[in-house]
Amino acid sequence: MNKTRVVTGASIAAVAGLLLLTSCASNSAASPSADPGDGDTLEIAMVLNSQTRPFYQTMIAGAEEAAEELGVNLTWQGPAEESAANQTSMLQQVAAGKPDGIIFSASDSVALSAPLKAIFDGGTPVVTVDSDVADPAARLFTIKSDGQESGTLAAERANEVTGGEGKVGYLGYTPGIESIDLRLSGWEEALKQYPGLENVGNEYAGLDISENQLKATGLISRVPDIDAIYTSWGNACIGAAQAVKQAGKSGDIALICVDADKEQVDLLAAGDVDALTIQQAAEMGRQSVTRLVEYIRNGTESDDVLVTHVLATQENMNEPEIEALFYR
């Protein structure tokens, strides 16, 4: 199977670029209709991991912009409490309403594969966004951030800020969400390129910032001379920043975080976070709607899409291209 990568735009450290991973494989369980709904406006439904996270709010904003431009109706929802069971129930309820297409972000890549495949095999066109399912036959294609790249960028930054020698660790969400698992994989793989960096291990926490703070505190207590910590999502970043302050280690431990919630951006500006690897959430929303609608209306198949992360630091965070990526 041949794969190609195409990058548009300037350097990812300075401006947003779209990275496309194309594959000759495609799914065809759900067939497009030349005139879906007998001329009625297309109904597209998004089922996401969360109702409230700024990342998803930003993604929705991009999706809504695309929907308005294309003249389709877009609805979205996510569970109040994140779990595979809650999301499965919500997904099935949405599918029962017979939308023309579904955009889905899986809270558990394995547990959501079978429910999604049942809907897809039943004739509803489905694409995944942000977090894919384990079975690619359960959807047409996926649009997501390049999680491996985020881990690579974090390792590169850790090597830079430590001068190539030091101890580094990881704090992330409980394994199971594909997008986050890829970040850890990229981090661990990239660290092999830097023999002067000692990986002291990984800590995992759930959704609560307080739990993330506790796990970061434990990591710092276990390795008091740790030099850098990579956190793979927003609450882990905020919790780790609180732990570093509490330990009196501000300026001694470099935090390299995924995402760009307002609180994270404020922490970057204050110097409590060294760098952010930002997902282009709005672009992912736009791409998911645009490509799904093209499939439904015209039968245009899409390859999988990987969207680049962009590294923000105190040095470049005020540049318009970077500011535009901060979450809403």
C-alpha atoms as a PDB file:
ATOM      1  CA  MET A   1       0.000   0.000   0.000  1.00  0.00           C
ATOM      2  CA  ASN A   2       1.528   3.323  -1.079  1.00  0.00           C
ATOM      3  CA  LYS A   3       1.338   6.286   1.241  1.00  0.00           C
ATOM      4  CA  THR A   4       2.350   9.870   0.609  1.00  0.00           C
ATOM      5  CA  ARG A   5       2.665  12.901   2.823  1.00  0.00           C
ATOM      6  CA  VAL A   6       1.824  16.392   1.622  1.00  0.00           C
ATOM      7  CA  VAL A   7       2.550  19.501   3.691  1.00  0.00           C
ATOM      8  CA  THR A   8       1.036  22.881   2.862  1.00  0.00           C
ATOM      9  CA  GLY A   9       2.007  26.152   4.461  1.00  0.00           C
ATOM     10  CA  ALA A  10       5.206  27.300   6.146  1.00  0.00           C
ATOM     11  CA  SER A  11       7.170  25.830   9.049  1.00  0.00           C
ATOM     12  CA  ILE A  12       4.950  24.207  11.685  1.00  0.00           C
ATOM     13  CA  ALA A  13       6.779  26.172  14.355  1.00  0.00           C
ATOM     14  CA  ALA A  14       5.481  29.383  12.856  1.00  0.00           C
ATOM     15  CA  VAL A  15       2.301  28.780  10.920  1.00  0.00           C
ATOM     16  CA  ALA A  16      -0.482  26.226  10.601  1.00  0.00           C
ATOM     17  CA  GLY A  17       0.065  23.522   8.003  1.00  0.00           C
ATOM     18  CA  LEU A  18      -2.128  20.636   6.928  1.00  0.00           C
ATOM     19  CA  LEU A  19      -0.436  17.253   6.721  1.00  0.00           C
ATOM     20  CA  LEU A  20      -2.248  14.713   4.597  1.00  0.00           C
ATOM     21  CA  LEU A  21      -1.577  11.002   4.935  1.00  0.00           C
ATOM     22  CA  THR A  22      -3.080   9.376   1.863  1.00  0.00           C
ATOM     23  CA  SER A  23      -3.804   5.698   1.420  1.00  0.00           C
ATOM     24  CA  CYS A  24      -5.109   3.645  -1.467  1.00  0.00           C
ATOM     25  CA  ALA A  25      -7.467   1.767   0.875  1.00  0.00           C
ATOM     26  CA  SER A  26     -11.090   2.898   1.204  1.00  0.00           C
ATOM     27  CA  ASN A  27     -14.304   1.703   2.835  1.00  0.00           C
ATOM     28  CA  SER A  28     -17.543   1.407   0.921  1.00  0.00           C
ATOM     29  CA  ALA A  29     -20.145  -0.046   3.278  1.00  0.00           C
ATOM     30  CA  ALA A  30     -22.151   3.178   3.255  1.00  0.00           C
ATOM     31  CA  SER A  31     -22.984   4.237  -0.304  1.00  0.00           C
ATOM     32  CA  PRO A  32     -23.467   7.905  -1.187  1.00  0.00           C
ATOM     33  CA  SER A  33     -26.728   9.107  -2.669  1.00  0.00           C
ATOM     34  CA  ALA A  34     -26.777  11.394  -5.669  1.00  0.00           C
ATOM     35  CA  ASP A  35     -29.786  13.200  -4.209  1.00  0.00           C
ATOM     36  CA  PRO A  36     -29.947  12.470  -0.476  1.00  0.00           C
ATOM     37  CA  GLY A  37     -33.208  13.361   1.166  1.00  0.00           C
ATOM     38  CA  ASP A  38     -34.913  14.004  -2.201  1.00  0.00           C
ATOM     39  CA  GLY A  39     -33.530  17.532  -2.308  1.00  0.00           C
ATOM     40  CA  ASP A  40     -33.861  18.254   1.406  1.00  0.00           C
ATOM     41  CA  THR A  41     -30.989  19.925   3.242  1.00  0.00           C
ATOM     42  CA  LEU A  42     -28.413  17.420   4.437  1.00  0.00           C
ATOM     43  CA  GLU A  43     -28.478  16.615   8.134  1.00  0.00           C
ATOM     44  CA  ILE A  44     -25.033  15.976   9.608  1.00  0.00           C
ATOM     45  CA  ALA A  45     -24.639  14.902  13.243  1.00  0.00           C
ATOM     46  CA  MET A  46     -21.461  15.126  15.344  1.00  0.00           C
ATOM     47  CA  VAL A  47     -21.023  12.921  18.422  1.00  0.00           C
ATOM     48  CA  LEU A  48     -17.991  14.018  20.440  1.00  0.00           C
ATOM     49  CA  ASN A  49     -16.199  12.992  23.630  1.00  0.00           C
ATOM     50  CA  SER A  50     -17.221  16.009  25.659  1.00  0.00           C
ATOM     51  CA  GLN A  51     -19.745  18.848  25.825  1.00  0.00           C
ATOM     52  CA  THR A  52     -17.490  21.468  27.305  1.00  0.00           C
ATOM     53  CA  ARG A  53     -13.793  21.111  26.478  1.00  0.00           C
ATOM     54  CA  PRO A  54     -12.438  24.175  24.651  1.00  0.00           C
ATOM     55  CA  PHE A  55     -10.753  21.876  22.128  1.00  0.00           C
ATOM     56  CA  TYR A  56     -14.116  20.485  21.049  1.00  0.00           C
ATOM     57  CA  GLN A  57     -15.773  23.897  21.166  1.00  0.00           C
ATOM     58  CA  THR A  58     -13.113  25.103  18.739  1.00  0.00           C
ATOM     59  CA  MET A  59     -13.598  22.061  16.528  1.00  0.00           C
ATOM     60  CA  ILE A  60     -17.356  22.655  16.487  1.00  0.00           C
ATOM     61  CA  ALA A  61     -16.837  26.274  15.471  1.00  0.00           C
ATOM     62  CA  GLY A  62     -14.801  25.159  12.457  1.00  0.00           C
ATOM     63  CA  ALA A  63     -17.412  22.521  11.593  1.00  0.00           C
ATOM     64  CA  GLU A  64     -20.237  25.058  11.830  1.00  0.00           C
ATOM     65  CA  GLU A  65     -18.406  27.460   9.526  1.00  0.00           C
ATOM     66  CA  ALA A  66     -18.054  24.718   6.920  1.00  0.00           C
ATOM     67  CA  ALA A  67     -21.685  23.643   7.339  1.00  0.00           C
ATOM     68  CA  GLU A  68     -22.910  27.193   6.757  1.00  0.00           C
ATOM     69  CA  GLU A  69     -20.769  27.557   3.651  1.00  0.00           C
ATOM     70  CA  LEU A  70     -22.042  24.239   2.272  1.00  0.00           C
ATOM     71  CA  GLY A  71     -25.699  24.818   3.162  1.00  0.00           C
ATOM     72  CA  VAL A  72     -26.116  21.780   5.439  1.00  0.00           C
ATOM     73  CA  ASN A  73     -27.627  21.442   8.891  1.00  0.00           C
ATOM     74  CA  LEU A  74     -25.131  20.439  11.569  1.00  0.00           C
ATOM     75  CA  THR A  75     -26.040  19.276  15.070  1.00  0.00           C
ATOM     76  CA  TRP A  76     -23.647  18.079  17.726  1.00  0.00           C
ATOM     77  CA  GLN A  77     -23.636  16.560  21.175  1.00  0.00           C
ATOM     78  CA  GLY A  78     -21.380  14.839  23.669  1.00  0.00           C
ATOM     79  CA  PRO A  79     -21.948  13.047  26.979  1.00  0.00           C
ATOM     80  CA  ALA A  80     -22.036  15.073  30.184  1.00  0.00           C
ATOM     81  CA  GLU A  81     -19.875  12.365  31.764  1.00  0.00           C
ATOM     82  CA  GLU A  82     -17.238  10.876  29.520  1.00  0.00           C
ATOM     83  CA  SER A  83     -17.426   7.093  29.178  1.00  0.00           C
ATOM     84  CA  ALA A  84     -17.633   4.511  26.428  1.00  0.00           C
ATOM     85  CA  ALA A  85     -21.047   3.363  27.667  1.00  0.00           C
ATOM     86  CA  ASN A  86     -22.504   6.888  27.645  1.00  0.00           C
ATOM     87  CA  GLN A  87     -21.094   7.611  24.230  1.00  0.00           C
ATOM     88  CA  THR A  88     -22.366   4.311  22.801  1.00  0.00           C
ATOM     89  CA  SER A  89     -25.890   5.122  23.970  1.00  0.00           C
ATOM     90  CA  MET A  90     -25.690   8.624  22.543  1.00  0.00           C
ATOM     91  CA  LEU A  91     -24.304   7.374  19.229  1.00  0.00           C
ATOM     92  CA  GLN A  92     -27.107   4.842  18.854  1.00  0.00           C
ATOM     93  CA  GLN A  93     -29.748   7.455  19.647  1.00  0.00           C
ATOM     94  CA  VAL A  94     -28.314   9.800  17.042  1.00  0.00           C
ATOM     95  CA  ALA A  95     -28.159   7.041  14.432  1.00  0.00           C
ATOM     96  CA  ALA A  96     -31.818   6.160  15.105  1.00  0.00           C
ATOM     97  CA  GLY A  97     -32.714   9.655  13.881  1.00  0.00           C
ATOM     98  CA  LYS A  98     -31.386   8.687  10.418  1.00  0.00           C
ATOM     99  CA  PRO A  99     -29.018  11.604   9.741  1.00  0.00           C
ATOM    100  CA  ASP A 100     -27.411  11.762   6.303  1.00  0.00           C
ATOM    101  CA  GLY A 101     -23.985  11.358   7.895  1.00  0.00           C
ATOM    102  CA  ILE A 102     -22.235  11.111  11.268  1.00  0.00           C
ATOM    103  CA  ILE A 103     -18.955  12.603  12.457  1.00  0.00           C
ATOM    104  CA  PHE A 104     -17.667  10.730  15.501  1.00  0.00           C
ATOM    105  CA  SER A 105     -14.854  11.078  18.041  1.00  0.00           C
ATOM    106  CA  ALA A 106     -14.341   7.892  20.057  1.00  0.00           C
ATOM    107  CA  SER A 107     -13.711   8.009  23.798  1.00  0.00           C
ATOM    108  CA  ASP A 108     -12.447   4.407  23.632  1.00  0.00           C
ATOM    109  CA  SER A 109     -10.976   3.181  20.357  1.00  0.00           C
ATOM    110  CA  VAL A 110     -11.734  -0.486  21.042  1.00  0.00           C
ATOM    111  CA  ALA A 111     -15.091  -0.324  22.840  1.00  0.00           C
ATOM    112  CA  LEU A 112     -16.661   2.015  20.252  1.00  0.00           C
ATOM    113  CA  SER A 113     -15.522   0.069  17.173  1.00  0.00           C
ATOM    114  CA  ALA A 114     -18.380  -2.450  17.105  1.00  0.00           C
ATOM    115  CA  PRO A 115     -21.228   0.045  17.748  1.00  0.00           C
ATOM    116  CA  LEU A 116     -19.867   2.375  15.085  1.00  0.00           C
ATOM    117  CA  LYS A 117     -19.377  -0.434  12.569  1.00  0.00           C
ATOM    118  CA  ALA A 118     -22.980  -1.582  13.056  1.00  0.00           C
ATOM    119  CA  ILE A 119     -24.188   1.914  12.127  1.00  0.00           C
ATOM    120  CA  PHE A 120     -21.788   2.191   9.209  1.00  0.00           C
ATOM    121  CA  ASP A 121     -22.706  -1.247   7.857  1.00  0.00           C
ATOM    122  CA  GLY A 122     -26.362  -0.234   8.163  1.00  0.00           C
ATOM    123  CA  GLY A 123     -25.832   2.402   5.483  1.00  0.00           C
ATOM    124  CA  THR A 124     -25.035   5.627   7.336  1.00  0.00           C
ATOM    125  CA  PRO A 125     -21.851   7.329   6.105  1.00  0.00           C
ATOM    126  CA  VAL A 126     -19.519   7.784   9.085  1.00  0.00           C
ATOM    127  CA  VAL A 127     -16.185   9.536   9.518  1.00  0.00           C
ATOM    128  CA  THR A 128     -14.120   9.817  12.666  1.00  0.00           C
ATOM    129  CA  VAL A 129     -12.476  13.002  13.861  1.00  0.00           C
ATOM    130  CA  ASP A 130      -9.791  13.575  16.504  1.00  0.00           C
ATOM    131  CA  SER A 131      -9.899  10.072  18.015  1.00  0.00           C
ATOM    132  CA  ASP A 132     -10.333   7.119  15.689  1.00  0.00           C
ATOM    133  CA  VAL A 133     -11.727   3.643  16.377  1.00  0.00           C
ATOM    134  CA  ALA A 134      -9.539   0.531  16.310  1.00  0.00           C
ATOM    135  CA  ASP A 135     -11.333  -0.966  13.303  1.00  0.00           C
ATOM    136  CA  PRO A 136     -10.875   1.158  10.143  1.00  0.00           C
ATOM    137  CA  ALA A 137     -13.702  -0.801   8.501  1.00  0.00           C
ATOM    138  CA  ALA A 138     -16.108   0.991  10.852  1.00  0.00           C
ATOM    139  CA  ARG A 139     -15.816   4.318   9.030  1.00  0.00           C
ATOM    140  CA  LEU A 140     -15.015   5.898   5.679  1.00  0.00           C
ATOM    141  CA  PHE A 141     -11.906   7.774   6.785  1.00  0.00           C
ATOM    142  CA  THR A 142     -10.477   9.629   9.758  1.00  0.00           C
ATOM    143  CA  ILE A 143      -9.347  13.220  10.302  1.00  0.00           C
ATOM    144  CA  LYS A 144      -7.110  13.685  13.316  1.00  0.00           C
ATOM    145  CA  SER A 145      -4.034  15.373  14.664  1.00  0.00           C
ATOM    146  CA  ASP A 146      -0.713  13.686  14.129  1.00  0.00           C
ATOM    147  CA  GLY A 147      -0.276  12.431  17.694  1.00  0.00           C
ATOM    148  CA  GLN A 148       3.080  10.865  16.939  1.00  0.00           C
ATOM    149  CA  GLU A 149       4.285  14.261  15.761  1.00  0.00           C
ATOM    150  CA  SER A 150       3.223  15.902  19.032  1.00  0.00           C
ATOM    151  CA  GLY A 151       5.359  13.443  20.984  1.00  0.00           C
ATOM    152  CA  THR A 152       8.247  14.027  18.619  1.00  0.00           C
ATOM    153  CA  LEU A 153       7.994  17.807  18.984  1.00  0.00           C
ATOM    154  CA  ALA A 154       7.868  17.443  22.773  1.00  0.00           C
ATOM    155  CA  ALA A 155      10.986  15.272  22.829  1.00  0.00           C
ATOM    156  CA  GLU A 156      12.813  17.715  20.563  1.00  0.00           C
ATOM    157  CA  ARG A 157      11.867  20.589  22.865  1.00  0.00           C
ATOM    158  CA  ALA A 158      12.885  18.660  25.971  1.00  0.00           C
ATOM    159  CA  ASN A 159      16.264  17.955  24.406  1.00  0.00           C
ATOM    160  CA  GLU A 160      16.635  21.639  23.549  1.00  0.00           C
ATOM    161  CA  VAL A 161      15.722  23.074  26.962  1.00  0.00           C
ATOM    162  CA  THR A 162      17.840  20.548  28.879  1.00  0.00           C
ATOM    163  CA  GLY A 163      20.868  21.045  26.687  1.00  0.00           C
ATOM    164  CA  GLY A 164      20.703  17.403  25.707  1.00  0.00           C
ATOM    165  CA  GLU A 165      21.107  15.972  29.201  1.00  0.00           C
ATOM    166  CA  GLY A 166      18.524  15.459  31.921  1.00  0.00           C
ATOM    167  CA  LYS A 167      15.632  13.464  33.280  1.00  0.00           C
ATOM    168  CA  VAL A 168      12.217  13.578  31.639  1.00  0.00           C
ATOM    169  CA  GLY A 169       8.799  12.090  32.371  1.00  0.00           C
ATOM    170  CA  TYR A 170       5.250  11.863  31.076  1.00  0.00           C
ATOM    171  CA  LEU A 171       1.813  12.613  32.535  1.00  0.00           C
ATOM    172  CA  GLY A 172      -1.244  11.612  30.532  1.00  0.00           C
ATOM    173  CA  TYR A 173      -4.785  10.334  30.454  1.00  0.00           C
ATOM    174  CA  THR A 174      -5.646   6.724  31.229  1.00  0.00           C
ATOM    175  CA  PRO A 175      -4.709   4.603  28.171  1.00  0.00           C
ATOM    176  CA  GLY A 176      -7.476   3.809  25.686  1.00  0.00           C
ATOM    177  CA  ILE A 177      -8.087   7.043  23.772  1.00  0.00           C
ATOM    178  CA  GLU A 178      -6.305   6.541  20.485  1.00  0.00           C
ATOM    179  CA  SER A 179      -5.290  10.170  19.956  1.00  0.00           C
ATOM    180  CA  ILE A 180      -3.607  10.414  23.367  1.00  0.00           C
ATOM    181  CA  ASP A 181      -1.996   6.982  23.168  1.00  0.00           C
ATOM    182  CA  LEU A 182      -0.293   8.055  19.934  1.00  0.00           C
ATOM    183  CA  ARG A 183       1.250  11.068  21.676  1.00  0.00           C
ATOM    184  CA  LEU A 184       2.896   8.832  24.252  1.00  0.00           C
ATOM    185  CA  SER A 185       4.088   6.486  21.516  1.00  0.00           C
ATOM    186  CA  GLY A 186       5.645   9.380  19.602  1.00  0.00           C
ATOM    187  CA  TRP A 187       7.291  10.705  22.766  1.00  0.00           C
ATOM    188  CA  GLU A 188       8.836   7.372  23.729  1.00  0.00           C
ATOM    189  CA  GLU A 189      10.017   6.656  20.198  1.00  0.00           C
ATOM    190  CA  ALA A 190      11.567  10.114  19.765  1.00  0.00           C
ATOM    191  CA  LEU A 191      13.392   9.949  23.107  1.00  0.00           C
ATOM    192  CA  LYS A 192      15.465   7.092  21.689  1.00  0.00           C
ATOM    193  CA  GLN A 193      17.155   9.683  19.494  1.00  0.00           C
ATOM    194  CA  TYR A 194      18.430  11.599  22.534  1.00  0.00           C
ATOM    195  CA  PRO A 195      20.730   9.367  24.608  1.00  0.00           C
ATOM    196  CA  GLY A 196      21.390  12.182  27.058  1.00  0.00           C
ATOM    197  CA  LEU A 197      17.734  12.216  28.155  1.00  0.00           C
ATOM    198  CA  GLU A 198      16.741   9.662  30.780  1.00  0.00           C
ATOM    199  CA  ASN A 199      13.074   8.663  30.632  1.00  0.00           C
ATOM    200  CA  VAL A 200      12.026   8.188  34.268  1.00  0.00           C
ATOM    201  CA  GLY A 201       8.617   6.776  33.357  1.00  0.00           C
ATOM    202  CA  ASN A 202       4.949   7.572  32.913  1.00  0.00           C
ATOM    203  CA  GLU A 203       2.102   8.631  35.178  1.00  0.00           C
ATOM    204  CA  TYR A 204      -1.589   8.414  34.306  1.00  0.00           C
ATOM    205  CA  ALA A 205      -4.636  10.226  35.674  1.00  0.00           C
ATOM    206  CA  GLY A 206      -8.307  10.691  34.806  1.00  0.00           C
ATOM    207  CA  LEU A 207     -10.216  13.860  34.067  1.00  0.00           C
ATOM    208  CA  ASP A 208      -9.840  15.775  37.329  1.00  0.00           C
ATOM    209  CA  ILE A 209      -7.159  18.436  37.518  1.00  0.00           C
ATOM    210  CA  SER A 210      -6.654  17.573  41.199  1.00  0.00           C
ATOM    211  CA  GLU A 211      -5.872  13.955  40.308  1.00  0.00           C
ATOM    212  CA  ASN A 212      -3.397  15.118  37.678  1.00  0.00           C
ATOM    213  CA  GLN A 213      -1.778  17.436  40.211  1.00  0.00           C
ATOM    214  CA  LEU A 214      -1.467  14.532  42.639  1.00  0.00           C
ATOM    215  CA  LYS A 215       0.155  12.283  40.032  1.00  0.00           C
ATOM    216  CA  ALA A 216       2.565  15.039  38.989  1.00  0.00           C
ATOM    217  CA  THR A 217       3.441  15.651  42.626  1.00  0.00           C
ATOM    218  CA  GLY A 218       4.190  11.942  42.979  1.00  0.00           C
ATOM    219  CA  LEU A 219       6.426  12.027  39.916  1.00  0.00           C
ATOM    220  CA  ILE A 220       8.350  15.037  41.243  1.00  0.00           C
ATOM    221  CA  SER A 221       8.696  13.401  44.664  1.00  0.00           C
ATOM    222  CA  ARG A 222       9.982  10.208  43.094  1.00  0.00           C
ATOM    223  CA  VAL A 223      12.414  12.076  40.815  1.00  0.00           C
ATOM    224  CA  PRO A 224      13.202  15.410  42.545  1.00  0.00           C
ATOM    225  CA  ASP A 225      15.820  16.329  39.926  1.00  0.00           C
ATOM    226  CA  ILE A 226      13.494  15.818  36.962  1.00  0.00           C
ATOM    227  CA  ASP A 227      14.101  18.425  34.254  1.00  0.00           C
ATOM    228  CA  ALA A 228      11.091  18.209  31.930  1.00  0.00           C
ATOM    229  CA  ILE A 229       7.594  16.711  31.854  1.00  0.00           C
ATOM    230  CA  TYR A 230       5.476  16.097  28.761  1.00  0.00           C
ATOM    231  CA  THR A 231       1.726  16.251  29.454  1.00  0.00           C
ATOM    232  CA  SER A 232      -0.539  14.891  26.752  1.00  0.00           C
ATOM    233  CA  TRP A 233      -3.688  16.991  27.272  1.00  0.00           C
ATOM    234  CA  GLY A 234      -5.057  20.125  28.936  1.00  0.00           C
ATOM    235  CA  ASN A 235      -5.997  19.026  32.466  1.00  0.00           C
ATOM    236  CA  ALA A 236      -2.738  17.116  32.842  1.00  0.00           C
ATOM    237  CA  CYS A 237      -0.885  20.305  31.918  1.00  0.00           C
ATOM    238  CA  ILE A 238      -2.791  22.450  34.418  1.00  0.00           C
ATOM    239  CA  GLY A 239      -2.428  19.882  37.189  1.00  0.00           C
ATOM    240  CA  ALA A 240       1.291  19.495  36.530  1.00  0.00           C
ATOM    241  CA  ALA A 241       1.786  23.263  36.582  1.00  0.00           C
ATOM    242  CA  GLN A 242       0.123  23.409  39.995  1.00  0.00           C
ATOM    243  CA  ALA A 243       2.333  20.579  41.245  1.00  0.00           C
ATOM    244  CA  VAL A 244       5.507  22.280  40.018  1.00  0.00           C
ATOM    245  CA  LYS A 245       4.557  25.507  41.790  1.00  0.00           C
ATOM    246  CA  GLN A 246       3.654  23.670  44.977  1.00  0.00           C
ATOM    247  CA  ALA A 247       7.020  21.890  44.930  1.00  0.00           C
ATOM    248  CA  GLY A 248       8.858  25.188  44.513  1.00  0.00           C
ATOM    249  CA  LYS A 249      10.289  23.990  41.209  1.00  0.00           C
ATOM    250  CA  SER A 250       9.077  26.803  38.940  1.00  0.00           C
ATOM    251  CA  GLY A 251      11.824  27.506  36.427  1.00  0.00           C
ATOM    252  CA  ASP A 252      13.527  24.208  37.191  1.00  0.00           C
ATOM    253  CA  ILE A 253      11.058  21.861  35.481  1.00  0.00           C
ATOM    254  CA  ALA A 254      10.066  22.562  31.890  1.00  0.00           C
ATOM    255  CA  LEU A 255       6.459  21.613  31.126  1.00  0.00           C
ATOM    256  CA  ILE A 256       5.741  20.762  27.507  1.00  0.00           C
ATOM    257  CA  CYS A 257       2.001  20.358  27.026  1.00  0.00           C
ATOM    258  CA  VAL A 258      -0.530  19.384  24.384  1.00  0.00           C
ATOM    259  CA  ASP A 259      -3.456  21.739  23.658  1.00  0.00           C
ATOM    260  CA  ALA A 260      -4.103  25.465  24.017  1.00  0.00           C
ATOM    261  CA  ASP A 261      -6.977  26.111  26.427  1.00  0.00           C
ATOM    262  CA  LYS A 262      -7.029  29.675  27.762  1.00  0.00           C
ATOM    263  CA  GLU A 263      -5.562  28.607  31.102  1.00  0.00           C
ATOM    264  CA  GLN A 264      -2.734  26.816  29.312  1.00  0.00           C
ATOM    265  CA  VAL A 265      -2.027  29.867  27.162  1.00  0.00           C
ATOM    266  CA  ASP A 266      -1.956  32.007  30.323  1.00  0.00           C
ATOM    267  CA  LEU A 267       0.498  29.548  31.899  1.00  0.00           C
ATOM    268  CA  LEU A 268       2.696  29.783  28.808  1.00  0.00           C
ATOM    269  CA  ALA A 269       2.640  33.572  28.915  1.00  0.00           C
ATOM    270  CA  ALA A 270       3.572  33.514  32.623  1.00  0.00           C
ATOM    271  CA  GLY A 271       6.460  31.129  32.032  1.00  0.00           C
ATOM    272  CA  ASP A 272       4.888  28.300  34.048  1.00  0.00           C
ATOM    273  CA  VAL A 273       4.682  26.236  30.861  1.00  0.00           C
ATOM    274  CA  ASP A 274       7.632  26.073  28.481  1.00  0.00           C
ATOM    275  CA  ALA A 275       5.809  25.115  25.278  1.00  0.00           C
ATOM    276  CA  LEU A 276       2.492  23.938  23.842  1.00  0.00           C
ATOM    277  CA  THR A 277       1.987  21.553  20.943  1.00  0.00           C
ATOM    278  CA  ILE A 278      -1.308  22.835  19.575  1.00  0.00           C
ATOM    279  CA  GLN A 279      -3.871  20.822  17.649  1.00  0.00           C
ATOM    280  CA  GLN A 280      -5.570  22.645  14.784  1.00  0.00           C
ATOM    281  CA  ALA A 281      -9.029  21.935  16.135  1.00  0.00           C
ATOM    282  CA  ALA A 282     -11.035  24.272  13.892  1.00  0.00           C
ATOM    283  CA  GLU A 283      -9.325  22.910  10.793  1.00  0.00           C
ATOM    284  CA  MET A 284     -10.219  19.367  11.825  1.00  0.00           C
ATOM    285  CA  GLY A 285     -13.860  20.387  12.213  1.00  0.00           C
ATOM    286  CA  ARG A 286     -13.909  22.080   8.814  1.00  0.00           C
ATOM    287  CA  GLN A 287     -12.252  19.137   7.085  1.00  0.00           C
ATOM    288  CA  SER A 288     -14.594  16.565   8.632  1.00  0.00           C
ATOM    289  CA  VAL A 289     -17.738  18.360   7.450  1.00  0.00           C
ATOM    290  CA  THR A 290     -16.375  19.304   4.035  1.00  0.00           C
ATOM    291  CA  ARG A 291     -15.101  15.846   3.143  1.00  0.00           C
ATOM    292  CA  LEU A 292     -18.158  14.000   4.469  1.00  0.00           C
ATOM    293  CA  VAL A 293     -20.505  16.269   2.517  1.00  0.00           C
ATOM    294  CA  GLU A 294     -18.416  15.795  -0.636  1.00  0.00           C
ATOM    295  CA  TYR A 295     -18.785  12.049  -0.204  1.00  0.00           C
ATOM    296  CA  ILE A 296     -22.553  12.168   0.377  1.00  0.00           C
ATOM    297  CA  ARG A 297     -23.257  14.572  -2.472  1.00  0.00           C
ATOM    298  CA  ASN A 298     -20.754  13.452  -5.081  1.00  0.00           C
ATOM    299  CA  GLY A 299     -19.353  10.094  -3.994  1.00  0.00           C
ATOM    300  CA  THR A 300     -15.924  11.693  -3.561  1.00  0.00           C
ATOM    301  CA  GLU A 301     -13.856   9.384  -1.387  1.00  0.00           C
ATOM    302  CA  SER A 302     -11.221  10.829   0.923  1.00  0.00           C
ATOM    303  CA  ASP A 303      -7.985   9.496   2.257  1.00  0.00           C
ATOM    304  CA  ASP A 304      -7.188   9.647   5.954  1.00  0.00           C
ATOM    305  CA  VAL A 305      -6.044  13.117   7.027  1.00  0.00           C
ATOM    306  CA  LEU A 306      -3.375  13.900   9.596  1.00  0.00           C
ATOM    307  CA  VAL A 307      -3.308  17.528  10.727  1.00  0.00           C
ATOM    308  CA  THR A 308      -0.018  18.879  12.041  1.00  0.00           C
ATOM    309  CA  HIS A 309       0.615  20.097  15.562  1.00  0.00           C
ATOM    310  CA  VAL A 310       2.095  23.584  15.900  1.00  0.00           C
ATOM    311  CA  LEU A 311       4.669  24.374  18.585  1.00  0.00           C
ATOM    312  CA  ALA A 312       3.985  27.554  20.584  1.00  0.00           C
ATOM    313  CA  THR A 313       6.557  29.109  22.910  1.00  0.00           C
ATOM    314  CA  GLN A 314       6.886  32.453  24.662  1.00  0.00           C
ATOM    315  CA  GLU A 315       8.951  33.593  21.700  1.00  0.00           C
ATOM    316  CA  ASN A 316       6.273  33.041  19.041  1.00  0.00           C
ATOM    317  CA  MET A 317       2.973  32.958  20.942  1.00  0.00           C
ATOM    318  CA  ASN A 318       2.038  36.531  19.990  1.00  0.00           C
ATOM    319  CA  GLU A 319       2.423  35.936  16.272  1.00  0.00           C
ATOM    320  CA  PRO A 320      -0.993  36.117  14.536  1.00  0.00           C
ATOM    321  CA  GLU A 321      -0.602  32.651  12.973  1.00  0.00           C
ATOM    322  CA  ILE A 322      -0.096  31.121  16.421  1.00  0.00           C
ATOM    323  CA  GLU A 323      -2.722  33.190  18.248  1.00  0.00           C
ATOM    324  CA  ALA A 324      -5.306  32.084  15.694  1.00  0.00           C
ATOM    325  CA  LEU A 325      -4.872  28.483  16.866  1.00  0.00           C
ATOM    326  CA  PHE A 326      -5.576  29.096  20.573  1.00  0.00           C
ATOM    327  CA  TYR A 327      -8.793  27.361  21.596  1.00  0.00           C
ATOM    328  CA  ARG A 328     -12.003  29.337  21.956  1.00  0.00           C
END
